[in-house]
Amino acid sequence: MFDEHDTFVLCQQLSDATIPVGTHGVVLMVYGEKPCSYDVEFPDGKGGNLGKAMTYTITGDFMGVK
C-alpha cells in the first residue's frame, strides 16, 4: 500500500499510451476502497505533467516500488 506523497514506478501500461512503463509518479490521494485506488501524477521535471490528463486514478496493480 502507498501513502500520499509516496513515489512509485509505473509497472503496467495505462490506457494513455503517452506515459511509458517505468515512469516515476507521485501519489496525490489514497482511496481506501477494496481494491485500494490512488490519484497520481507523473511530473515531467519542468513544472508540468506527462500524459494527456493532469492526474490519473489507478490501482496498486499499476504501481511498483522504485
N, C-alpha and C. Protein backbone atom coordinates (compact mmCIF):
# COMPACT_ATOMS: atom_id res chain seq x y z
N MET A 1 0.84 -1.18 0.00
CA MET A 1 0.00 0.00 0.00
C MET A 1 0.89 1.25 0.00
N PHE A 2 0.45 2.25 -0.71
CA PHE A 2 1.17 3.51 -0.81
C PHE A 2 0.43 4.58 -0.01
N ASP A 3 1.15 5.60 0.42
CA ASP A 3 0.58 6.73 1.13
C ASP A 3 0.71 7.98 0.28
N GLU A 4 -0.02 9.04 0.67
CA GLU A 4 0.09 10.31 -0.05
C GLU A 4 1.53 10.79 -0.07
N HIS A 5 1.96 11.30 -1.20
CA HIS A 5 3.29 11.84 -1.46
C HIS A 5 4.36 10.76 -1.67
N ASP A 6 3.98 9.47 -1.62
CA ASP A 6 4.94 8.42 -1.96
C ASP A 6 5.23 8.47 -3.46
N THR A 7 6.41 8.03 -3.84
CA THR A 7 6.75 7.90 -5.24
C THR A 7 6.70 6.42 -5.62
N PHE A 8 6.50 6.17 -6.91
CA PHE A 8 6.39 4.81 -7.43
C PHE A 8 6.84 4.78 -8.87
N VAL A 9 6.95 3.58 -9.40
CA VAL A 9 7.28 3.39 -10.81
C VAL A 9 6.07 2.74 -11.49
N LEU A 10 5.67 3.27 -12.61
CA LEU A 10 4.58 2.68 -13.38
C LEU A 10 5.03 1.33 -13.93
N CYS A 11 4.32 0.26 -13.58
CA CYS A 11 4.78 -1.08 -13.99
C CYS A 11 3.84 -1.75 -14.99
N GLN A 12 2.73 -1.10 -15.35
CA GLN A 12 1.84 -1.59 -16.41
C GLN A 12 1.41 -0.40 -17.26
N GLN A 13 1.16 -0.65 -18.52
CA GLN A 13 0.76 0.42 -19.43
C GLN A 13 -0.63 0.94 -19.08
N LEU A 14 -0.77 2.25 -19.00
CA LEU A 14 -2.08 2.89 -18.83
C LEU A 14 -2.77 2.97 -20.19
N SER A 15 -4.06 3.27 -20.17
CA SER A 15 -4.77 3.46 -21.44
C SER A 15 -4.22 4.67 -22.19
N ASP A 16 -3.64 5.63 -21.45
CA ASP A 16 -2.96 6.78 -22.05
C ASP A 16 -1.54 6.33 -22.40
N ALA A 17 -1.34 5.91 -23.62
CA ALA A 17 -0.07 5.32 -24.05
C ALA A 17 1.07 6.33 -24.11
N THR A 18 0.83 7.59 -23.77
CA THR A 18 1.91 8.58 -23.81
C THR A 18 2.81 8.50 -22.58
N ILE A 19 2.41 7.74 -21.57
CA ILE A 19 3.23 7.59 -20.36
C ILE A 19 3.83 6.19 -20.39
N PRO A 20 5.12 6.06 -20.61
CA PRO A 20 5.72 4.73 -20.74
C PRO A 20 5.87 4.01 -19.40
N VAL A 21 5.82 2.69 -19.46
CA VAL A 21 6.11 1.87 -18.29
C VAL A 21 7.52 2.24 -17.81
N GLY A 22 7.70 2.33 -16.50
CA GLY A 22 8.98 2.72 -15.94
C GLY A 22 9.04 4.18 -15.52
N THR A 23 8.00 4.96 -15.87
CA THR A 23 7.94 6.36 -15.49
C THR A 23 7.67 6.49 -13.99
N HIS A 24 8.34 7.43 -13.35
CA HIS A 24 8.13 7.68 -11.92
C HIS A 24 6.91 8.57 -11.73
N GLY A 25 6.11 8.23 -10.72
CA GLY A 25 4.92 9.01 -10.40
C GLY A 25 4.87 9.33 -8.92
N VAL A 26 3.89 10.17 -8.55
CA VAL A 26 3.69 10.60 -7.16
C VAL A 26 2.23 10.38 -6.79
N VAL A 27 1.99 9.82 -5.60
CA VAL A 27 0.63 9.61 -5.09
C VAL A 27 0.11 10.93 -4.53
N LEU A 28 -1.07 11.36 -5.00
CA LEU A 28 -1.68 12.59 -4.50
C LEU A 28 -2.75 12.30 -3.46
N MET A 29 -3.54 11.24 -3.68
CA MET A 29 -4.63 10.91 -2.77
C MET A 29 -4.83 9.40 -2.76
N VAL A 30 -5.20 8.87 -1.60
CA VAL A 30 -5.44 7.43 -1.43
C VAL A 30 -6.91 7.23 -1.15
N TYR A 31 -7.54 6.30 -1.87
CA TYR A 31 -8.92 5.90 -1.64
C TYR A 31 -8.89 4.50 -1.04
N GLY A 32 -9.43 4.34 0.16
CA GLY A 32 -9.34 3.09 0.89
C GLY A 32 -10.30 2.00 0.48
N GLU A 33 -10.95 2.15 -0.64
CA GLU A 33 -11.89 1.14 -1.12
C GLU A 33 -11.14 -0.14 -1.48
N LYS A 34 -11.84 -1.24 -1.53
CA LYS A 34 -11.25 -2.52 -1.95
C LYS A 34 -11.59 -2.73 -3.41
N PRO A 35 -10.64 -2.86 -4.32
CA PRO A 35 -9.22 -2.66 -4.07
C PRO A 35 -8.89 -1.19 -3.90
N CYS A 36 -7.85 -0.91 -3.18
CA CYS A 36 -7.40 0.46 -2.93
C CYS A 36 -7.05 1.12 -4.27
N SER A 37 -7.40 2.39 -4.42
CA SER A 37 -7.03 3.12 -5.63
C SER A 37 -6.37 4.43 -5.23
N TYR A 38 -5.70 5.03 -6.20
CA TYR A 38 -4.88 6.20 -5.94
C TYR A 38 -5.05 7.23 -7.04
N ASP A 39 -5.10 8.52 -6.66
CA ASP A 39 -4.93 9.59 -7.63
C ASP A 39 -3.44 9.87 -7.69
N VAL A 40 -2.90 9.86 -8.90
CA VAL A 40 -1.46 10.03 -9.07
C VAL A 40 -1.17 11.04 -10.18
N GLU A 41 0.05 11.54 -10.18
CA GLU A 41 0.51 12.38 -11.28
C GLU A 41 1.89 11.90 -11.70
N PHE A 42 2.26 12.28 -12.90
CA PHE A 42 3.56 11.93 -13.47
C PHE A 42 4.28 13.22 -13.86
N PRO A 43 5.06 13.80 -12.91
CA PRO A 43 5.74 15.07 -13.19
C PRO A 43 6.75 14.94 -14.33
N ASP A 44 6.88 16.01 -15.11
CA ASP A 44 7.83 16.00 -16.22
C ASP A 44 9.18 16.61 -15.86
N GLY A 45 9.34 17.07 -14.61
CA GLY A 45 10.60 17.67 -14.19
C GLY A 45 10.77 19.13 -14.59
N LYS A 46 9.75 19.68 -15.26
CA LYS A 46 9.81 21.07 -15.72
C LYS A 46 8.63 21.88 -15.19
N GLY A 47 7.97 21.35 -14.15
CA GLY A 47 6.82 22.05 -13.58
C GLY A 47 5.48 21.62 -14.16
N GLY A 48 5.50 20.70 -15.09
CA GLY A 48 4.27 20.19 -15.70
C GLY A 48 4.11 18.71 -15.44
N ASN A 49 3.20 18.10 -16.17
CA ASN A 49 2.94 16.67 -16.04
C ASN A 49 3.01 15.98 -17.39
N LEU A 50 3.37 14.71 -17.36
CA LEU A 50 3.33 13.89 -18.56
C LEU A 50 1.91 13.40 -18.79
N GLY A 51 1.60 13.03 -19.99
CA GLY A 51 0.30 12.44 -20.30
C GLY A 51 -0.72 13.47 -20.74
N LYS A 52 -1.91 12.98 -21.04
CA LYS A 52 -2.99 13.82 -21.53
C LYS A 52 -3.81 14.45 -20.42
N ALA A 53 -3.76 13.87 -19.20
CA ALA A 53 -4.51 14.38 -18.06
C ALA A 53 -3.54 14.86 -16.99
N MET A 54 -4.01 15.74 -16.12
CA MET A 54 -3.16 16.21 -15.00
C MET A 54 -2.94 15.10 -13.99
N THR A 55 -4.01 14.32 -13.71
CA THR A 55 -3.93 13.22 -12.74
C THR A 55 -4.62 11.99 -13.31
N TYR A 56 -4.30 10.85 -12.73
CA TYR A 56 -4.91 9.58 -13.12
C TYR A 56 -5.32 8.84 -11.86
N THR A 57 -6.42 8.10 -11.91
CA THR A 57 -6.83 7.24 -10.81
C THR A 57 -6.52 5.81 -11.22
N ILE A 58 -5.64 5.16 -10.44
CA ILE A 58 -5.18 3.82 -10.77
C ILE A 58 -5.19 2.95 -9.51
N THR A 59 -5.09 1.65 -9.71
CA THR A 59 -4.96 0.72 -8.58
C THR A 59 -3.48 0.38 -8.38
N GLY A 60 -3.19 -0.25 -7.27
CA GLY A 60 -1.82 -0.63 -6.95
C GLY A 60 -1.21 -1.59 -7.93
N ASP A 61 -2.03 -2.27 -8.74
CA ASP A 61 -1.51 -3.19 -9.76
C ASP A 61 -0.60 -2.49 -10.76
N PHE A 62 -0.80 -1.19 -10.94
CA PHE A 62 -0.03 -0.41 -11.91
C PHE A 62 1.23 0.18 -11.30
N MET A 63 1.42 -0.01 -9.98
CA MET A 63 2.46 0.69 -9.26
C MET A 63 3.50 -0.25 -8.68
N GLY A 64 4.77 0.09 -8.86
CA GLY A 64 5.85 -0.67 -8.27
C GLY A 64 6.73 0.23 -7.43
N VAL A 65 7.50 -0.38 -6.57
CA VAL A 65 8.41 0.38 -5.72
C VAL A 65 9.64 0.75 -6.53
N LYS A 66 10.07 2.00 -6.42
CA LYS A 66 11.24 2.42 -7.19
C LYS A 66 12.52 2.03 -6.53
